Each structure stands twice: as C-alpha cells, then as structure tokens.
C-alpha cells in the first residue's frame, strides 16, 4: 500500500469490531490519519480494517536516514527466522524482504526482488570482472564512504557492515544455508535459516565459492559518483559429506541500543 506509514516500536495487538491482528515490533502500518492516537490500517482473513494506536507505541518512517540509524534498525531483526518469499510458518524474511523492510522503516521504498534492489540505489558498480580480491575490497570500502552499501549476486542481497577488528569484511543478511568444503573432499551444507551477521569469507573453498567471491554488484544508497554499472553469474549446488570440521562462520551479534556499541560473538557449526 502506498502513502505514509508508521513503524511499531513494540508488539501490537490491533483490534476493531469483528477483527484482530498481532503485529510484532518493526511492523510497518499504513497511516490513515490522526485522532486521540494514530489511526492505522491492518488486514486479517476478512479484509482491511482501521483502528487507533497510541502515539508512543509507533514511530514515523519520516526520519533521517543515517548509517547508524539504519544499522540500529537492521539489528532489530537479528536472529529472526528466515522465510522464503517473506513468509513461512514462523513468519520471517528472505534476503530481499529484510532489506526492503529495513529501508521501508525510513520511508525509502525499494523493489521486492534482490536483482531489482541491486539497480535501485543512487549508483551501482559491477565487480564481477574484478578478480583481485584486494581491489574488490577497495571498491567496496570506497562505496561505503559514499553511503549505505548493499552487496549482491544473483539470488541474494546483503547489507554491508564494514570490517571487523581483524579486518574481515562483514555483512548482515537473511541466509538459508551455506556450503563448506570438507578436508577430505566433498562438502557439507549448513542450515542457518535466519538473519545473521557473517564474514564474507563464508563458503570459501566450496563449489559455491565464498560470499565475497560471488559478489557481482555493489550498490550505494547515498552520494552520487562519476559512473555506474552492473552484471550477473551463477553457482552450482554443493555435495554433502561426512568428513566435517568446525569453523566460526556465523557471527551472532548482541542486540544494541543507541548507548551501546555492537558486540560480536562467534557460533561454531560442526
């Protein structure tokens, strides 16, 4: 739905005559108008309905889009379940619906599909032909100085966070799975099924390659540059194996507040 929207600051139980809906924190609701509270529209199996919520329980999407504000909003989704197509039995988001919802909370409307999102920024850079990894990382870092950066390859989009203390490039994204190469040959497929922080080296040595190697487009939402471009490839499926090793691959980041910096810890997957 088009028009102004508000974002739920906390879980909401919306009710009106003959209709009710439970909305988790972060839900975007179309704004109908203002009364004693704020009038919003919601839907259930019977159709669309209008009800009123207290002003202190929602916030306007018309707020400054800064990197800090956007990352704070994005980390509210950390550890929430993956849902292909933005759905699933437990709700959840896939990679593009996660990005769309985060930017939507600032009133910025992005397309639904990851390939369209890669073209929807202020400008984009095609890095598919940049084989030297140090040069590729320099391009990503230069883009990050221009604004908020999305990294994408066919079928996936990620929000670039910057580099960790050790210098590893990090992303926040909704991810279903990744492949890990086994020392004795073959691969192991790890199920993540959630919104996580991960190192772009995830999957290195597998048939799918690492997230870093697969990136084809760097998209910036911010200051315009001199030029822009875009492009494609594709990866094959992994093969399961028994010989597995542990690797600190997914980083679970503690939830933050404006007064506390983001902290990262590693979760090991056997």
C-alpha atoms as a PDB file:
ATOM      1  CA  UNK A   1       0.000   0.000   0.000  1.00  0.00           C
ATOM      2  CA  UNK A   2       1.234   3.483  -0.803  1.00  0.00           C
ATOM      3  CA  UNK A   3       1.143   6.597   1.376  1.00  0.00           C
ATOM      4  CA  UNK A   4       2.567   7.448   4.793  1.00  0.00           C
ATOM      5  CA  UNK A   5       3.366   4.639   7.218  1.00  0.00           C
ATOM      6  CA  UNK A   6       4.370   4.213  10.844  1.00  0.00           C
ATOM      7  CA  UNK A   7       6.524   1.515  12.423  1.00  0.00           C
ATOM      8  CA  UNK A   8       5.545  -0.402  15.553  1.00  0.00           C
ATOM      9  CA  UNK A   9       8.080   0.235  18.324  1.00  0.00           C
ATOM     10  CA  UNK A  10       6.780  -2.783  20.270  1.00  0.00           C
ATOM     11  CA  UNK A  11       4.444  -5.726  19.641  1.00  0.00           C
ATOM     12  CA  UNK A  12       0.906  -4.516  18.945  1.00  0.00           C
ATOM     13  CA  UNK A  13      -2.443  -6.234  19.420  1.00  0.00           C
ATOM     14  CA  UNK A  14      -4.678  -4.461  16.897  1.00  0.00           C
ATOM     15  CA  UNK A  15      -8.424  -4.789  17.349  1.00  0.00           C
ATOM     16  CA  UNK A  16     -11.602  -3.391  15.924  1.00  0.00           C
ATOM     17  CA  UNK A  17     -15.170  -4.658  15.711  1.00  0.00           C
ATOM     18  CA  UNK A  18     -15.017  -8.248  14.444  1.00  0.00           C
ATOM     19  CA  UNK A  19     -11.299  -8.181  13.578  1.00  0.00           C
ATOM     20  CA  UNK A  20      -7.932  -8.542  15.324  1.00  0.00           C
ATOM     21  CA  UNK A  21      -4.258  -8.937  14.421  1.00  0.00           C
ATOM     22  CA  UNK A  22      -0.967  -9.430  16.274  1.00  0.00           C
ATOM     23  CA  UNK A  23       1.867  -7.298  14.885  1.00  0.00           C
ATOM     24  CA  UNK A  24       5.485  -7.791  16.027  1.00  0.00           C
ATOM     25  CA  UNK A  25       7.787  -4.846  16.701  1.00  0.00           C
ATOM     26  CA  UNK A  26       9.071  -3.387  13.442  1.00  0.00           C
ATOM     27  CA  UNK A  27       5.822  -3.932  11.526  1.00  0.00           C
ATOM     28  CA  UNK A  28       5.067  -1.151   9.039  1.00  0.00           C
ATOM     29  CA  UNK A  29       1.451   0.029   9.131  1.00  0.00           C
ATOM     30  CA  UNK A  30      -0.287   2.348   6.639  1.00  0.00           C
ATOM     31  CA  UNK A  31      -1.226   5.621   8.309  1.00  0.00           C
ATOM     32  CA  UNK A  32      -4.864   6.609   7.882  1.00  0.00           C
ATOM     33  CA  UNK A  33      -4.943   9.773   9.993  1.00  0.00           C
ATOM     34  CA  UNK A  34      -4.608  11.074  13.498  1.00  0.00           C
ATOM     35  CA  UNK A  35      -7.130  11.224  16.315  1.00  0.00           C
ATOM     36  CA  UNK A  36      -6.534  10.849  20.042  1.00  0.00           C
ATOM     37  CA  UNK A  37      -3.885   8.358  18.941  1.00  0.00           C
ATOM     38  CA  UNK A  38      -2.732   7.353  15.478  1.00  0.00           C
ATOM     39  CA  UNK A  39      -5.142   5.668  13.065  1.00  0.00           C
ATOM     40  CA  UNK A  40      -3.635   2.797  11.091  1.00  0.00           C
ATOM     41  CA  UNK A  41      -4.864   0.168   8.669  1.00  0.00           C
ATOM     42  CA  UNK A  42      -4.313  -3.576   9.113  1.00  0.00           C
ATOM     43  CA  UNK A  43      -5.577  -6.735   7.439  1.00  0.00           C
ATOM     44  CA  UNK A  44      -6.841 -10.136   8.504  1.00  0.00           C
ATOM     45  CA  UNK A  45      -8.611 -13.004   6.729  1.00  0.00           C
ATOM     46  CA  UNK A  46     -11.781 -10.921   6.427  1.00  0.00           C
ATOM     47  CA  UNK A  47     -10.203  -7.891   4.749  1.00  0.00           C
ATOM     48  CA  UNK A  48      -8.810  -4.453   5.640  1.00  0.00           C
ATOM     49  CA  UNK A  49      -9.657  -2.656   8.872  1.00  0.00           C
ATOM     50  CA  UNK A  50      -8.836   0.621  10.614  1.00  0.00           C
ATOM     51  CA  UNK A  51      -8.025   1.093  14.286  1.00  0.00           C
ATOM     52  CA  UNK A  52      -6.246   3.502  16.591  1.00  0.00           C
ATOM     53  CA  UNK A  53      -2.934   3.046  18.432  1.00  0.00           C
ATOM     54  CA  UNK A  54      -1.215   5.242  20.993  1.00  0.00           C
ATOM     55  CA  UNK A  55       1.429   7.597  19.577  1.00  0.00           C
ATOM     56  CA  UNK A  56       4.129   6.331  21.957  1.00  0.00           C
ATOM     57  CA  UNK A  57       3.797   2.798  20.546  1.00  0.00           C
ATOM     58  CA  UNK A  58       4.747   3.712  16.963  1.00  0.00           C
ATOM     59  CA  UNK A  59       7.232   5.959  15.203  1.00  0.00           C
ATOM     60  CA  UNK A  60       7.082   7.792  11.912  1.00  0.00           C
ATOM     61  CA  UNK A  61       9.060   6.485   8.947  1.00  0.00           C
ATOM     62  CA  UNK A  62       9.869  10.096   8.094  1.00  0.00           C
ATOM     63  CA  UNK A  63      13.176  10.299   9.963  1.00  0.00           C
ATOM     64  CA  UNK A  64      16.791  10.977   8.944  1.00  0.00           C
ATOM     65  CA  UNK A  65      18.404   8.075   7.096  1.00  0.00           C
ATOM     66  CA  UNK A  66      21.902   7.836   8.590  1.00  0.00           C
ATOM     67  CA  UNK A  67      24.172   4.798   8.589  1.00  0.00           C
ATOM     68  CA  UNK A  68      23.914   4.473  12.378  1.00  0.00           C
ATOM     69  CA  UNK A  69      20.120   4.766  12.394  1.00  0.00           C
ATOM     70  CA  UNK A  70      19.784   2.240   9.565  1.00  0.00           C
ATOM     71  CA  UNK A  71      22.108  -0.314  11.190  1.00  0.00           C
ATOM     72  CA  UNK A  72      20.348   0.084  14.540  1.00  0.00           C
ATOM     73  CA  UNK A  73      17.055  -0.644  12.778  1.00  0.00           C
ATOM     74  CA  UNK A  74      18.546  -3.583  10.843  1.00  0.00           C
ATOM     75  CA  UNK A  75      19.909  -5.213  14.010  1.00  0.00           C
ATOM     76  CA  UNK A  76      16.395  -5.326  15.442  1.00  0.00           C
ATOM     77  CA  UNK A  77      15.838  -8.244  13.035  1.00  0.00           C
ATOM     78  CA  UNK A  78      18.917 -10.185  14.168  1.00  0.00           C
ATOM     79  CA  UNK A  79      18.227 -13.894  14.783  1.00  0.00           C
ATOM     80  CA  UNK A  80      14.676 -13.645  13.443  1.00  0.00           C
ATOM     81  CA  UNK A  81      13.723 -16.658  11.267  1.00  0.00           C
ATOM     82  CA  UNK A  82      14.264 -16.995   7.558  1.00  0.00           C
ATOM     83  CA  UNK A  83      11.095 -17.077   5.491  1.00  0.00           C
ATOM     84  CA  UNK A  84      11.386 -17.612   1.735  1.00  0.00           C
ATOM     85  CA  UNK A  85       9.288 -15.018  -0.029  1.00  0.00           C
ATOM     86  CA  UNK A  86       8.972 -13.118   3.249  1.00  0.00           C
ATOM     87  CA  UNK A  87       6.712 -15.773   4.758  1.00  0.00           C
ATOM     88  CA  UNK A  88       6.804 -19.264   6.185  1.00  0.00           C
ATOM     89  CA  UNK A  89       5.055 -20.898   9.132  1.00  0.00           C
ATOM     90  CA  UNK A  90       7.053 -18.810  11.616  1.00  0.00           C
ATOM     91  CA  UNK A  91       6.928 -15.598   9.604  1.00  0.00           C
ATOM     92  CA  UNK A  92      10.403 -14.282   8.866  1.00  0.00           C
ATOM     93  CA  UNK A  93      12.128 -12.651   5.908  1.00  0.00           C
ATOM     94  CA  UNK A  94      14.192 -13.716   2.950  1.00  0.00           C
ATOM     95  CA  UNK A  95      17.172 -11.571   1.953  1.00  0.00           C
ATOM     96  CA  UNK A  96      15.327  -9.010  -0.174  1.00  0.00           C
ATOM     97  CA  UNK A  97      12.263  -8.634   2.060  1.00  0.00           C
ATOM     98  CA  UNK A  98      14.608  -7.983   5.001  1.00  0.00           C
ATOM     99  CA  UNK A  99      16.406  -5.199   3.097  1.00  0.00           C
ATOM    100  CA  UNK A 100      13.112  -3.807   1.818  1.00  0.00           C
ATOM    101  CA  UNK A 101      11.621  -3.690   5.323  1.00  0.00           C
ATOM    102  CA  UNK A 102      14.662  -2.004   6.887  1.00  0.00           C
ATOM    103  CA  UNK A 103      14.719   0.775   4.297  1.00  0.00           C
ATOM    104  CA  UNK A 104      10.930   0.977   4.325  1.00  0.00           C
ATOM    105  CA  UNK A 105      11.053   1.918   8.008  1.00  0.00           C
ATOM    106  CA  UNK A 106      12.720   5.158   6.864  1.00  0.00           C
ATOM    107  CA  UNK A 107      10.182   5.793   4.127  1.00  0.00           C
ATOM    108  CA  UNK A 108      12.599   4.562   1.408  1.00  0.00           C
ATOM    109  CA  UNK A 109      10.779   2.211  -0.968  1.00  0.00           C
ATOM    110  CA  UNK A 110      12.932  -0.465  -2.570  1.00  0.00           C
ATOM    111  CA  UNK A 111      11.798  -3.129  -5.085  1.00  0.00           C
ATOM    112  CA  UNK A 112      10.905  -6.584  -3.772  1.00  0.00           C
ATOM    113  CA  UNK A 113      13.440  -8.685  -5.734  1.00  0.00           C
ATOM    114  CA  UNK A 114      17.180  -8.707  -4.925  1.00  0.00           C
ATOM    115  CA  UNK A 115      18.133  -8.190  -8.597  1.00  0.00           C
ATOM    116  CA  UNK A 116      15.946  -5.073  -8.734  1.00  0.00           C
ATOM    117  CA  UNK A 117      17.344  -3.810  -5.435  1.00  0.00           C
ATOM    118  CA  UNK A 118      20.846  -4.046  -6.913  1.00  0.00           C
ATOM    119  CA  UNK A 119      19.746  -1.492  -9.539  1.00  0.00           C
ATOM    120  CA  UNK A 120      17.698   0.721  -7.222  1.00  0.00           C
ATOM    121  CA  UNK A 121      20.400   2.656  -5.365  1.00  0.00           C
ATOM    122  CA  UNK A 122      21.973   6.021  -6.058  1.00  0.00           C
ATOM    123  CA  UNK A 123      24.538   4.153  -8.146  1.00  0.00           C
ATOM    124  CA  UNK A 124      25.953   0.652  -8.557  1.00  0.00           C
ATOM    125  CA  UNK A 125      29.326  -0.826  -9.510  1.00  0.00           C
ATOM    126  CA  UNK A 126      29.810  -4.056 -11.449  1.00  0.00           C
ATOM    127  CA  UNK A 127      32.612  -6.005  -9.718  1.00  0.00           C
ATOM    128  CA  UNK A 128      32.033  -9.351 -11.447  1.00  0.00           C
ATOM    129  CA  UNK A 129      35.167  -8.913 -13.579  1.00  0.00           C
ATOM    130  CA  UNK A 130      37.375  -7.760 -10.677  1.00  0.00           C
ATOM    131  CA  UNK A 131      39.365 -10.924  -9.935  1.00  0.00           C
ATOM    132  CA  UNK A 132      41.902  -9.490  -7.476  1.00  0.00           C
ATOM    133  CA  UNK A 133      40.277  -9.626  -4.045  1.00  0.00           C
ATOM    134  CA  UNK A 134      42.212  -6.688  -2.587  1.00  0.00           C
ATOM    135  CA  UNK A 135      40.967  -4.495  -5.444  1.00  0.00           C
ATOM    136  CA  UNK A 136      37.407  -5.739  -4.970  1.00  0.00           C
ATOM    137  CA  UNK A 137      37.575  -4.909  -1.258  1.00  0.00           C
ATOM    138  CA  UNK A 138      38.927  -1.436  -2.047  1.00  0.00           C
ATOM    139  CA  UNK A 139      35.920  -0.789  -4.285  1.00  0.00           C
ATOM    140  CA  UNK A 140      33.537  -1.910  -1.540  1.00  0.00           C
ATOM    141  CA  UNK A 141      35.287   0.284   1.034  1.00  0.00           C
ATOM    142  CA  UNK A 142      35.230   3.272  -1.320  1.00  0.00           C
ATOM    143  CA  UNK A 143      31.498   2.716  -1.874  1.00  0.00           C
ATOM    144  CA  UNK A 144      30.919   2.587   1.905  1.00  0.00           C
ATOM    145  CA  UNK A 145      32.360   6.094   2.188  1.00  0.00           C
ATOM    146  CA  UNK A 146      29.590   7.291  -0.141  1.00  0.00           C
ATOM    147  CA  UNK A 147      26.636   5.864   1.795  1.00  0.00           C
ATOM    148  CA  UNK A 148      24.874   2.659   2.815  1.00  0.00           C
ATOM    149  CA  UNK A 149      26.106  -0.313   0.756  1.00  0.00           C
ATOM    150  CA  UNK A 150      24.245  -3.381  -0.500  1.00  0.00           C
ATOM    151  CA  UNK A 151      26.288  -6.300  -1.849  1.00  0.00           C
ATOM    152  CA  UNK A 152      24.548  -8.703  -4.188  1.00  0.00           C
ATOM    153  CA  UNK A 153      24.892 -11.643  -6.543  1.00  0.00           C
ATOM    154  CA  UNK A 154      22.139 -13.486  -8.433  1.00  0.00           C
ATOM    155  CA  UNK A 155      19.536 -14.560  -5.897  1.00  0.00           C
ATOM    156  CA  UNK A 156      20.987 -12.832  -2.819  1.00  0.00           C
ATOM    157  CA  UNK A 157      21.484  -9.361  -1.319  1.00  0.00           C
ATOM    158  CA  UNK A 158      23.370  -8.334   1.848  1.00  0.00           C
ATOM    159  CA  UNK A 159      23.797  -5.202   3.949  1.00  0.00           C
ATOM    160  CA  UNK A 160      27.498  -4.319   4.265  1.00  0.00           C
ATOM    161  CA  UNK A 161      28.582  -3.547   7.845  1.00  0.00           C
ATOM    162  CA  UNK A 162      32.251  -2.721   7.354  1.00  0.00           C
ATOM    163  CA  UNK A 163      35.288  -4.605   8.595  1.00  0.00           C
ATOM    164  CA  UNK A 164      35.805  -6.354  11.922  1.00  0.00           C
ATOM    165  CA  UNK A 165      38.744  -5.679  14.243  1.00  0.00           C
ATOM    166  CA  UNK A 166      40.659  -8.408  12.412  1.00  0.00           C
ATOM    167  CA  UNK A 167      39.933  -6.744   9.056  1.00  0.00           C
ATOM    168  CA  UNK A 168      37.335  -9.250   7.826  1.00  0.00           C
ATOM    169  CA  UNK A 169      34.510  -7.717   5.722  1.00  0.00           C
ATOM    170  CA  UNK A 170      31.167  -8.341   7.459  1.00  0.00           C
ATOM    171  CA  UNK A 171      27.545  -8.368   6.315  1.00  0.00           C
ATOM    172  CA  UNK A 172      24.081  -8.625   7.861  1.00  0.00           C
ATOM    173  CA  UNK A 173      21.670 -10.718   5.798  1.00  0.00           C
ATOM    174  CA  UNK A 174      18.865 -13.253   5.791  1.00  0.00           C
ATOM    175  CA  UNK A 175      20.517 -16.543   4.867  1.00  0.00           C
ATOM    176  CA  UNK A 176      19.073 -20.025   4.474  1.00  0.00           C
ATOM    177  CA  UNK A 177      22.250 -22.105   4.074  1.00  0.00           C
ATOM    178  CA  UNK A 178      25.892 -22.181   3.049  1.00  0.00           C
ATOM    179  CA  UNK A 179      28.307 -24.842   1.807  1.00  0.00           C
ATOM    180  CA  UNK A 180      31.602 -25.729   3.492  1.00  0.00           C
ATOM    181  CA  UNK A 181      34.410 -27.662   1.820  1.00  0.00           C
ATOM    182  CA  UNK A 182      35.494 -30.788   3.702  1.00  0.00           C
ATOM    183  CA  UNK A 183      39.236 -31.500   4.221  1.00  0.00           C
ATOM    184  CA  UNK A 184      38.954 -34.957   2.641  1.00  0.00           C
ATOM    185  CA  UNK A 185      36.861 -33.821  -0.298  1.00  0.00           C
ATOM    186  CA  UNK A 186      33.172 -33.172  -0.769  1.00  0.00           C
ATOM    187  CA  UNK A 187      31.113 -30.553   1.011  1.00  0.00           C
ATOM    188  CA  UNK A 188      28.795 -30.048   3.968  1.00  0.00           C
ATOM    189  CA  UNK A 189      25.649 -27.973   3.661  1.00  0.00           C
ATOM    190  CA  UNK A 190      24.915 -25.939   6.810  1.00  0.00           C
ATOM    191  CA  UNK A 191      21.389 -24.683   7.510  1.00  0.00           C
ATOM    192  CA  UNK A 192      21.231 -21.214   9.117  1.00  0.00           C
ATOM    193  CA  UNK A 193      17.647 -20.157   8.341  1.00  0.00           C
ATOM    194  CA  UNK A 194      17.784 -16.751   9.948  1.00  0.00           C
ATOM    195  CA  UNK A 195      19.050 -13.184   9.859  1.00  0.00           C
ATOM    196  CA  UNK A 196      22.720 -13.271  10.856  1.00  0.00           C
ATOM    197  CA  UNK A 197      25.992 -11.394  10.764  1.00  0.00           C
ATOM    198  CA  UNK A 198      28.635 -13.258   8.801  1.00  0.00           C
ATOM    199  CA  UNK A 199      32.115 -12.924   7.400  1.00  0.00           C
ATOM    200  CA  UNK A 200      32.170 -12.600   3.605  1.00  0.00           C
ATOM    201  CA  UNK A 201      34.637 -15.496   3.546  1.00  0.00           C
ATOM    202  CA  UNK A 202      31.736 -17.816   4.375  1.00  0.00           C
ATOM    203  CA  UNK A 203      31.757 -20.753   1.941  1.00  0.00           C
ATOM    204  CA  UNK A 204      35.330 -20.282   0.728  1.00  0.00           C
ATOM    205  CA  UNK A 205      36.711 -23.405  -0.927  1.00  0.00           C
ATOM    206  CA  UNK A 206      33.271 -24.856  -1.696  1.00  0.00           C
ATOM    207  CA  UNK A 207      31.726 -25.289  -5.137  1.00  0.00           C
ATOM    208  CA  UNK A 208      29.531 -22.278  -4.425  1.00  0.00           C
ATOM    209  CA  UNK A 209      32.603 -20.177  -3.554  1.00  0.00           C
ATOM    210  CA  UNK A 210      32.678 -17.609  -0.750  1.00  0.00           C
ATOM    211  CA  UNK A 211      30.128 -14.810  -0.433  1.00  0.00           C
ATOM    212  CA  UNK A 212      32.976 -12.420  -1.229  1.00  0.00           C
ATOM    213  CA  UNK A 213      33.908 -14.217  -4.465  1.00  0.00           C
ATOM    214  CA  UNK A 214      30.274 -14.381  -5.607  1.00  0.00           C
ATOM    215  CA  UNK A 215      29.511 -10.663  -5.297  1.00  0.00           C
ATOM    216  CA  UNK A 216      28.692  -9.154  -8.681  1.00  0.00           C
ATOM    217  CA  UNK A 217      27.216  -5.768  -7.773  1.00  0.00           C
ATOM    218  CA  UNK A 218      27.991  -3.115  -5.162  1.00  0.00           C
ATOM    219  CA  UNK A 219      25.026  -0.771  -4.712  1.00  0.00           C
ATOM    220  CA  UNK A 220      25.236   2.546  -2.870  1.00  0.00           C
ATOM    221  CA  UNK A 221      22.337   4.479  -1.399  1.00  0.00           C
ATOM    222  CA  UNK A 222      23.894   7.864  -0.697  1.00  0.00           C
ATOM    223  CA  UNK A 223      26.124  10.319  -2.523  1.00  0.00           C
ATOM    224  CA  UNK A 224      26.222  10.075  -6.347  1.00  0.00           C
ATOM    225  CA  UNK A 225      29.571   9.249  -8.088  1.00  0.00           C
ATOM    226  CA  UNK A 226      31.082   9.630 -11.517  1.00  0.00           C
ATOM    227  CA  UNK A 227      29.721   6.448 -13.131  1.00  0.00           C
ATOM    228  CA  UNK A 228      27.864   3.177 -12.519  1.00  0.00           C
ATOM    229  CA  UNK A 229      27.395  -0.324 -13.966  1.00  0.00           C
ATOM    230  CA  UNK A 230      26.012  -3.799 -13.273  1.00  0.00           C
ATOM    231  CA  UNK A 231      26.277  -7.590 -14.139  1.00  0.00           C
ATOM    232  CA  UNK A 232      25.480 -11.431 -13.486  1.00  0.00           C
ATOM    233  CA  UNK A 233      26.997 -15.181 -12.943  1.00  0.00           C
ATOM    234  CA  UNK A 234      25.759 -18.310 -11.227  1.00  0.00           C
ATOM    235  CA  UNK A 235      26.933 -21.121  -8.913  1.00  0.00           C
ATOM    236  CA  UNK A 236      26.427 -24.886  -8.703  1.00  0.00           C
ATOM    237  CA  UNK A 237      24.977 -26.919  -5.788  1.00  0.00           C
ATOM    238  CA  UNK A 238      27.152 -28.469  -3.035  1.00  0.00           C
ATOM    239  CA  UNK A 239      27.524 -32.170  -2.249  1.00  0.00           C
ATOM    240  CA  UNK A 240      27.039 -33.446   1.335  1.00  0.00           C
ATOM    241  CA  UNK A 241      29.856 -35.327   3.065  1.00  0.00           C
ATOM    242  CA  UNK A 242      30.638 -36.962   6.382  1.00  0.00           C
ATOM    243  CA  UNK A 243      34.090 -35.564   6.973  1.00  0.00           C
ATOM    244  CA  UNK A 244      33.326 -32.230   8.581  1.00  0.00           C
ATOM    245  CA  UNK A 245      35.320 -29.676  10.536  1.00  0.00           C
ATOM    246  CA  UNK A 246      34.340 -26.852  12.830  1.00  0.00           C
ATOM    247  CA  UNK A 247      34.512 -23.272  11.665  1.00  0.00           C
ATOM    248  CA  UNK A 248      33.476 -19.990  13.269  1.00  0.00           C
ATOM    249  CA  UNK A 249      31.349 -18.981  10.319  1.00  0.00           C
ATOM    250  CA  UNK A 250      28.285 -17.151  11.571  1.00  0.00           C
ATOM    251  CA  UNK A 251      28.637 -14.276  13.989  1.00  0.00           C
ATOM    252  CA  UNK A 252      25.761 -13.710  16.392  1.00  0.00           C
ATOM    253  CA  UNK A 253      25.750 -10.072  17.410  1.00  0.00           C
ATOM    254  CA  UNK A 254      24.214  -8.935  20.680  1.00  0.00           C
ATOM    255  CA  UNK A 255      21.322  -6.545  20.296  1.00  0.00           C
ATOM    256  CA  UNK A 256      22.248  -2.903  20.591  1.00  0.00           C
ATOM    257  CA  UNK A 257      20.830   0.340  21.871  1.00  0.00           C
ATOM    258  CA  UNK A 258      21.872   3.885  20.936  1.00  0.00           C
ATOM    259  CA  UNK A 259      24.066   3.864  24.077  1.00  0.00           C
ATOM    260  CA  UNK A 260      25.835   0.553  23.463  1.00  0.00           C
ATOM    261  CA  UNK A 261      28.141  -0.431  20.619  1.00  0.00           C
ATOM    262  CA  UNK A 262      27.542  -3.586  18.627  1.00  0.00           C
ATOM    263  CA  UNK A 263      29.343  -6.625  20.035  1.00  0.00           C
ATOM    264  CA  UNK A 264      30.056  -9.779  18.079  1.00  0.00           C
ATOM    265  CA  UNK A 265      30.496 -13.382  19.142  1.00  0.00           C
ATOM    266  CA  UNK A 266      31.024 -16.468  17.004  1.00  0.00           C
ATOM    267  CA  UNK A 267      28.852 -19.575  16.849  1.00  0.00           C
ATOM    268  CA  UNK A 268      30.534 -22.811  15.741  1.00  0.00           C
ATOM    269  CA  UNK A 269      28.803 -25.239  13.437  1.00  0.00           C
ATOM    270  CA  UNK A 270      30.138 -28.788  13.294  1.00  0.00           C
END
